[in-house]
Amino acid sequence: MGFLFSSSAFRLALIQLQVSSVKSDNVTRACSLVREAATQGAKIVSLPECFNSPYGTKYFPEYAEKIPGESTQKLSEVAKECGIYLIGGSIPEEDAGKLYNTCTVFGPDGTLLVKYRKLHLFDIDVPGKITFQESETLSPGDSFSTFDTPYCRVGLGICYDMRFAELAQVYAQRGCQLLVYPGAFNMTTGPAHWELLQRGRAVDNQVYVATASPARDDQASYVAWGHSTIVSPWGDVLAKAGTEETIVCSDIDLKKLAEIRQQIPIFSQKRSDLYAVEAKEP
C-alpha cells in the first residue's frame, strides 16, 4: 500500500451548508462552496448529510433521486472542475422502490468512486426531547465503503453510524486513516454527544475523524446542531464551525498519525486471543 503515502499532508474541507426547501438552490450553493474550498487548497471536500433536501421522513420520498441523477451529476462535474475528491454528504436515494440515505464520492476526474448507504437507521425516542424514525421511509445499507486517495484511505459513515464503534474499528483494520461522517445531530444529542463521539472514534482507532453538518436553521422541522468538526488521532479538535453556513478547513498530517501509532501501539497490543471485531460483509 505504499502508493497511499505519496504525500503525508493535505488539506481537508467541510462544507456546513444552509439547506433550504429548494433542491436546485441547495445543489448550486453546495457546488459554489466546494469551488471556494478548492481555492483554499482543499484536496478532499465533504458536504453535509442530506445536503439537497430538508432532513425529515416526510421529505425523503419527495426529494429522492436515482444515482446517477441530477444532484450527483453536478457533484461529479464540480469534482472534476476543481480536481478534488468530493464526498457528497448524503442525499435521499431511490432504487428499485426503496429509499436510502446515501453518500457518493467522486474523484478528481469526476468518476463515481464509491456509494455508501447509511447502515444504522436513526430510530430514537428521548421522551420530551426528540422522537425520530428514519425507518418509516428509509432502508438500511448493507456494505462498508472505503476509497483511496494519494494521501490516505478514507472510510465513510453517516451521522448515527458514528455511535457504532465497531464500524470505525472495521475501517481502521482496513487501513483507513481518515473517517468522514456527514451528519445532522439535533439539539438534544448534539450538545451531549457530537464532539464526544468524534473524539472517541479518533482516539480509539488512532485516525482523523471529520463530521460535516448542515448549518442550523431554527425554523426547520428538524434543527441541526451544526458544529462541523475535524479531530486528530490524539483527540484534539483541529477545527470546528459554529452554527452558520461556513467552510471548515484543516491540514491533515499523516506523519503525526504515524508517530501516535508508534508511541502508543494499540494495534499490535490488542488481545486478539481474547476478542475481535470482524466484518461479516458477504
Protein backbone atom coordinates (compact mmCIF):
# COMPACT_ATOMS: atom_id res chain seq x y z
CA MET A 1 0.00 0.00 0.00
CA GLY A 2 2.99 2.28 -0.44
CA PHE A 3 1.20 4.37 -3.06
CA LEU A 4 -1.11 5.67 -0.34
CA PHE A 5 1.71 7.64 1.22
CA SER A 6 2.87 9.69 -1.74
CA SER A 7 2.04 12.81 0.27
CA SER A 8 1.99 12.94 4.06
CA ALA A 9 -0.12 16.09 4.39
CA PHE A 10 -3.17 17.51 2.68
CA ARG A 11 -5.99 19.95 3.36
CA LEU A 12 -9.47 18.73 4.23
CA ALA A 13 -12.52 21.00 3.98
CA LEU A 14 -16.05 20.53 5.32
CA ILE A 15 -18.99 22.49 3.87
CA GLN A 16 -21.53 23.46 6.54
CA LEU A 17 -24.37 24.23 4.14
CA GLN A 18 -27.55 26.14 4.91
CA VAL A 19 -30.12 23.75 3.44
CA SER A 20 -33.39 25.16 2.10
CA SER A 21 -36.52 23.52 0.70
CA VAL A 22 -35.42 24.32 -2.89
CA LYS A 23 -33.31 21.43 -4.13
CA SER A 24 -31.76 23.26 -7.10
CA ASP A 25 -30.64 26.13 -4.84
CA ASN A 26 -29.08 23.69 -2.38
CA VAL A 27 -27.11 21.96 -5.13
CA THR A 28 -25.99 25.22 -6.75
CA ARG A 29 -24.81 26.72 -3.46
CA ALA A 30 -23.11 23.48 -2.43
CA CYS A 31 -21.10 23.46 -5.66
CA SER A 32 -20.20 27.13 -5.21
CA LEU A 33 -18.84 26.44 -1.71
CA VAL A 34 -16.94 23.39 -2.98
CA ARG A 35 -15.21 25.65 -5.51
CA GLU A 36 -14.38 28.11 -2.73
CA ALA A 37 -12.90 25.31 -0.59
CA ALA A 38 -10.77 24.17 -3.53
CA THR A 39 -9.38 27.70 -3.95
CA GLN A 40 -8.34 27.48 -0.28
CA GLY A 41 -6.22 24.45 -1.16
CA ALA A 42 -8.54 21.64 -0.08
CA LYS A 43 -7.83 18.29 -1.75
CA ILE A 44 -10.70 16.39 -0.07
CA VAL A 45 -14.01 18.19 0.48
CA SER A 46 -17.14 16.90 2.22
CA LEU A 47 -20.72 18.13 2.08
CA PRO A 48 -23.16 17.51 4.95
CA GLU A 49 -25.78 14.81 5.40
CA CYS A 50 -28.94 15.41 3.37
CA PHE A 51 -27.44 18.44 1.60
CA ASN A 52 -30.00 18.70 -1.20
CA SER A 53 -33.13 18.18 0.91
CA PRO A 54 -34.59 19.19 4.25
CA TYR A 55 -33.99 16.42 6.79
CA GLY A 56 -37.17 14.54 7.68
CA THR A 57 -39.05 11.37 6.79
CA LYS A 58 -41.78 13.37 5.05
CA TYR A 59 -39.19 14.96 2.74
CA PHE A 60 -37.21 11.87 1.74
CA PRO A 61 -39.72 10.42 -0.79
CA GLU A 62 -40.28 13.83 -2.43
CA TYR A 63 -36.60 14.72 -2.79
CA ALA A 64 -35.25 11.24 -3.56
CA GLU A 65 -33.27 10.66 -6.76
CA LYS A 66 -31.67 7.80 -8.55
CA ILE A 67 -27.86 7.64 -8.61
CA PRO A 68 -26.56 8.74 -11.04
CA GLY A 69 -29.07 11.57 -11.15
CA GLU A 70 -29.44 15.31 -11.23
CA SER A 71 -27.70 16.16 -7.94
CA THR A 72 -24.87 13.63 -8.23
CA GLN A 73 -24.19 14.70 -11.82
CA LYS A 74 -23.48 18.22 -10.54
CA LEU A 75 -21.16 16.80 -7.87
CA SER A 76 -19.27 14.82 -10.50
CA GLU A 77 -18.84 17.96 -12.61
CA VAL A 78 -17.58 20.17 -9.78
CA ALA A 79 -15.17 17.48 -8.51
CA LYS A 80 -13.66 17.28 -11.99
CA GLU A 81 -13.62 21.05 -12.45
CA CYS A 82 -11.74 21.52 -9.15
CA GLY A 83 -9.59 18.36 -9.41
CA ILE A 84 -10.57 17.22 -5.90
CA TYR A 85 -12.01 14.25 -4.06
CA LEU A 86 -15.59 15.21 -3.23
CA ILE A 87 -17.57 13.40 -0.54
CA GLY A 88 -21.13 14.26 -1.47
CA GLY A 89 -22.57 14.35 2.06
CA SER A 90 -25.74 12.38 1.54
CA ILE A 91 -28.96 12.54 -0.43
CA PRO A 92 -32.19 10.54 -0.30
CA GLU A 93 -31.67 7.84 -2.96
CA GLU A 94 -34.41 5.88 -4.70
CA ASP A 95 -33.52 2.45 -6.04
CA ALA A 96 -35.92 -0.36 -7.02
CA GLY A 97 -38.75 1.09 -4.97
CA LYS A 98 -36.67 1.56 -1.82
CA LEU A 99 -35.23 4.73 -0.29
CA TYR A 100 -31.73 5.02 1.20
CA ASN A 101 -29.68 7.74 2.89
CA THR A 102 -26.73 7.63 0.50
CA CYS A 103 -23.28 9.20 0.24
CA THR A 104 -21.47 9.35 -3.10
CA VAL A 105 -17.76 10.08 -3.57
CA PHE A 106 -16.28 11.50 -6.77
CA GLY A 107 -12.64 11.55 -7.81
CA PRO A 108 -10.67 14.42 -9.40
CA ASP A 109 -11.66 13.13 -12.85
CA GLY A 110 -15.36 13.17 -11.93
CA THR A 111 -15.63 9.37 -11.62
CA LEU A 112 -18.01 7.91 -9.02
CA LEU A 113 -15.60 6.07 -6.69
CA VAL A 114 -17.99 4.63 -4.11
CA LYS A 115 -21.59 4.79 -2.98
CA TYR A 116 -22.29 4.31 0.72
CA ARG A 117 -25.76 3.71 2.14
CA LYS A 118 -26.26 4.55 5.83
CA LEU A 119 -26.03 1.28 7.75
CA HIS A 120 -27.67 2.27 11.04
CA LEU A 121 -31.04 3.99 10.73
CA PHE A 122 -31.76 6.79 13.17
CA ASP A 123 -34.69 5.45 15.21
CA ILE A 124 -34.66 7.06 18.65
CA ASP A 125 -37.10 8.17 21.33
CA VAL A 126 -35.94 10.54 24.06
CA PRO A 127 -39.17 11.40 25.94
CA GLY A 128 -39.98 15.09 25.95
CA LYS A 129 -36.97 15.82 23.72
CA ILE A 130 -36.92 14.09 20.33
CA THR A 131 -38.52 11.15 18.57
CA PHE A 132 -37.37 10.27 15.06
CA GLN A 133 -37.83 7.15 12.94
CA GLU A 134 -35.77 7.04 9.74
CA SER A 135 -37.03 3.50 9.19
CA GLU A 136 -40.51 4.91 8.46
CA THR A 137 -39.29 5.64 4.94
CA LEU A 138 -35.65 4.54 4.62
CA SER A 139 -33.99 1.15 4.21
CA PRO A 140 -30.50 0.45 5.63
CA GLY A 141 -27.44 -0.21 3.52
CA ASP A 142 -25.50 -3.43 3.91
CA SER A 143 -21.90 -2.74 2.93
CA PHE A 144 -18.82 -0.83 4.07
CA SER A 145 -17.32 1.88 1.88
CA THR A 146 -13.70 3.00 1.68
CA PHE A 147 -11.84 4.83 -1.05
CA ASP A 148 -8.19 5.53 -1.72
CA THR A 149 -6.58 8.89 -2.43
CA PRO A 150 -2.89 9.72 -3.00
CA TYR A 151 -2.86 10.79 0.66
CA CYS A 152 -4.67 8.08 2.60
CA ARG A 153 -7.54 5.62 2.67
CA VAL A 154 -10.87 7.08 3.79
CA GLY A 155 -13.79 5.29 5.48
CA LEU A 156 -17.38 6.53 5.32
CA GLY A 157 -20.26 6.61 7.76
CA ILE A 158 -23.34 8.81 8.04
CA CYS A 159 -24.45 10.51 11.26
CA TYR A 160 -25.95 7.81 13.56
CA ASP A 161 -23.30 5.37 12.24
CA MET A 162 -20.78 7.26 14.40
CA ARG A 163 -22.33 5.77 17.55
CA PHE A 164 -21.29 2.27 16.48
CA ALA A 165 -17.65 1.83 17.44
CA GLU A 166 -17.36 -1.46 15.55
CA LEU A 167 -17.82 0.27 12.18
CA ALA A 168 -14.87 2.56 12.87
CA GLN A 169 -12.81 -0.43 14.04
CA VAL A 170 -13.52 -2.31 10.81
CA TYR A 171 -12.37 0.73 8.84
CA ALA A 172 -9.20 1.03 10.92
CA GLN A 173 -8.49 -2.66 10.30
CA ARG A 174 -8.88 -1.98 6.58
CA GLY A 175 -6.18 0.68 6.66
CA CYS A 176 -8.24 3.88 6.91
CA GLN A 177 -6.52 6.90 8.40
CA LEU A 178 -9.44 9.29 7.99
CA LEU A 179 -13.09 8.63 8.79
CA VAL A 180 -15.69 11.05 7.44
CA TYR A 181 -19.21 11.16 8.82
CA PRO A 182 -21.59 13.60 7.13
CA GLY A 183 -24.17 14.04 9.88
CA ALA A 184 -27.01 16.11 11.29
CA PHE A 185 -27.17 15.64 15.04
CA ASN A 186 -30.02 17.52 16.71
CA MET A 187 -30.37 19.96 19.59
CA THR A 188 -30.71 17.12 22.13
CA THR A 189 -27.92 14.73 21.07
CA GLY A 190 -25.67 17.39 19.52
CA PRO A 191 -24.53 19.19 22.68
CA ALA A 192 -24.29 15.89 24.56
CA HIS A 193 -22.53 13.55 22.16
CA TRP A 194 -21.47 15.10 18.81
CA GLU A 195 -17.92 16.06 19.76
CA LEU A 196 -17.55 13.29 22.33
CA LEU A 197 -18.25 10.55 19.77
CA GLN A 198 -15.84 12.04 17.23
CA ARG A 199 -13.04 12.28 19.75
CA GLY A 200 -13.78 8.76 20.96
CA ARG A 201 -13.66 7.25 17.47
CA ALA A 202 -10.45 9.19 16.73
CA VAL A 203 -8.61 8.11 19.89
CA ASP A 204 -9.89 4.50 19.86
CA ASN A 205 -8.66 3.94 16.31
CA GLN A 206 -5.83 6.50 16.04
CA VAL A 207 -7.41 8.09 12.98
CA TYR A 208 -8.53 11.54 11.91
CA VAL A 209 -12.30 11.98 12.18
CA ALA A 210 -14.35 14.62 10.35
CA THR A 211 -18.05 15.44 10.56
CA ALA A 212 -19.94 17.68 8.14
CA SER A 213 -23.27 19.02 9.41
CA PRO A 214 -25.82 21.27 7.78
CA ALA A 215 -25.90 24.79 9.19
CA ARG A 216 -28.52 25.38 11.87
CA ASP A 217 -31.97 26.56 10.81
CA ASP A 218 -34.11 27.27 13.85
CA GLN A 219 -37.22 27.39 11.64
CA ALA A 220 -36.74 23.88 10.25
CA SER A 221 -38.85 20.92 11.41
CA TYR A 222 -35.57 19.20 12.37
CA VAL A 223 -32.99 21.61 13.79
CA ALA A 224 -29.40 20.50 13.13
CA TRP A 225 -26.74 21.11 15.78
CA GLY A 226 -24.12 22.32 13.26
CA HIS A 227 -20.55 22.49 14.58
CA SER A 228 -18.86 20.55 11.75
CA THR A 229 -15.60 19.33 13.25
CA ILE A 230 -12.18 17.84 12.43
CA VAL A 231 -10.46 15.79 15.17
CA SER A 232 -6.88 14.47 15.27
CA PRO A 233 -5.81 10.91 16.20
CA TRP A 234 -4.71 12.37 19.55
CA GLY A 235 -8.27 13.57 20.18
CA ASP A 236 -7.56 17.25 19.61
CA VAL A 237 -10.24 19.34 17.91
CA LEU A 238 -8.33 20.87 15.00
CA ALA A 239 -11.19 22.89 13.52
CA LYS A 240 -14.82 23.45 14.42
CA ALA A 241 -17.62 25.51 12.92
CA GLY A 242 -20.26 27.44 14.77
CA THR A 243 -23.89 27.15 13.66
CA GLU A 244 -23.85 29.28 10.50
CA GLU A 245 -23.08 28.38 6.87
CA THR A 246 -19.30 28.18 6.55
CA ILE A 247 -16.30 26.22 5.31
CA VAL A 248 -14.12 24.46 7.89
CA CYS A 249 -10.56 23.55 6.86
CA SER A 250 -7.66 21.75 8.48
CA ASP A 251 -4.40 20.27 7.31
CA ILE A 252 -4.25 16.52 7.89
CA ASP A 253 -0.74 15.37 8.83
CA LEU A 254 -0.23 11.65 8.32
CA LYS A 255 3.27 11.79 9.82
CA LYS A 256 1.63 12.87 13.08
CA LEU A 257 -0.73 9.90 12.81
CA ALA A 258 2.19 7.52 12.27
CA GLU A 259 4.01 8.98 15.29
CA ILE A 260 0.97 8.49 17.54
CA ARG A 261 0.58 4.88 16.42
CA GLN A 262 4.28 4.28 17.10
CA GLN A 263 4.20 5.91 20.54
CA ILE A 264 1.02 4.11 21.67
CA PRO A 265 0.97 0.87 19.63
CA ILE A 266 -2.58 -0.28 20.40
CA PHE A 267 -2.98 -2.25 17.18
CA SER A 268 -0.14 -4.66 17.97
CA GLN A 269 -1.19 -4.82 21.62
CA LYS A 270 -4.80 -5.87 21.09
CA ARG A 271 -5.60 -9.20 22.75
CA SER A 272 -6.80 -10.97 19.63
CA ASP A 273 -6.58 -14.20 21.60
CA LEU A 274 -9.48 -12.89 23.72
CA TYR A 275 -11.60 -10.71 21.44
CA ALA A 276 -12.06 -9.46 17.89
CA VAL A 277 -14.28 -7.23 15.78
CA GLU A 278 -14.90 -8.97 12.49
CA ALA A 279 -16.66 -7.82 9.36
CA LYS A 280 -19.34 -10.17 8.10
CA GLU A 281 -19.85 -8.49 4.75
CA PRO A 282 -20.62 -11.10 2.08
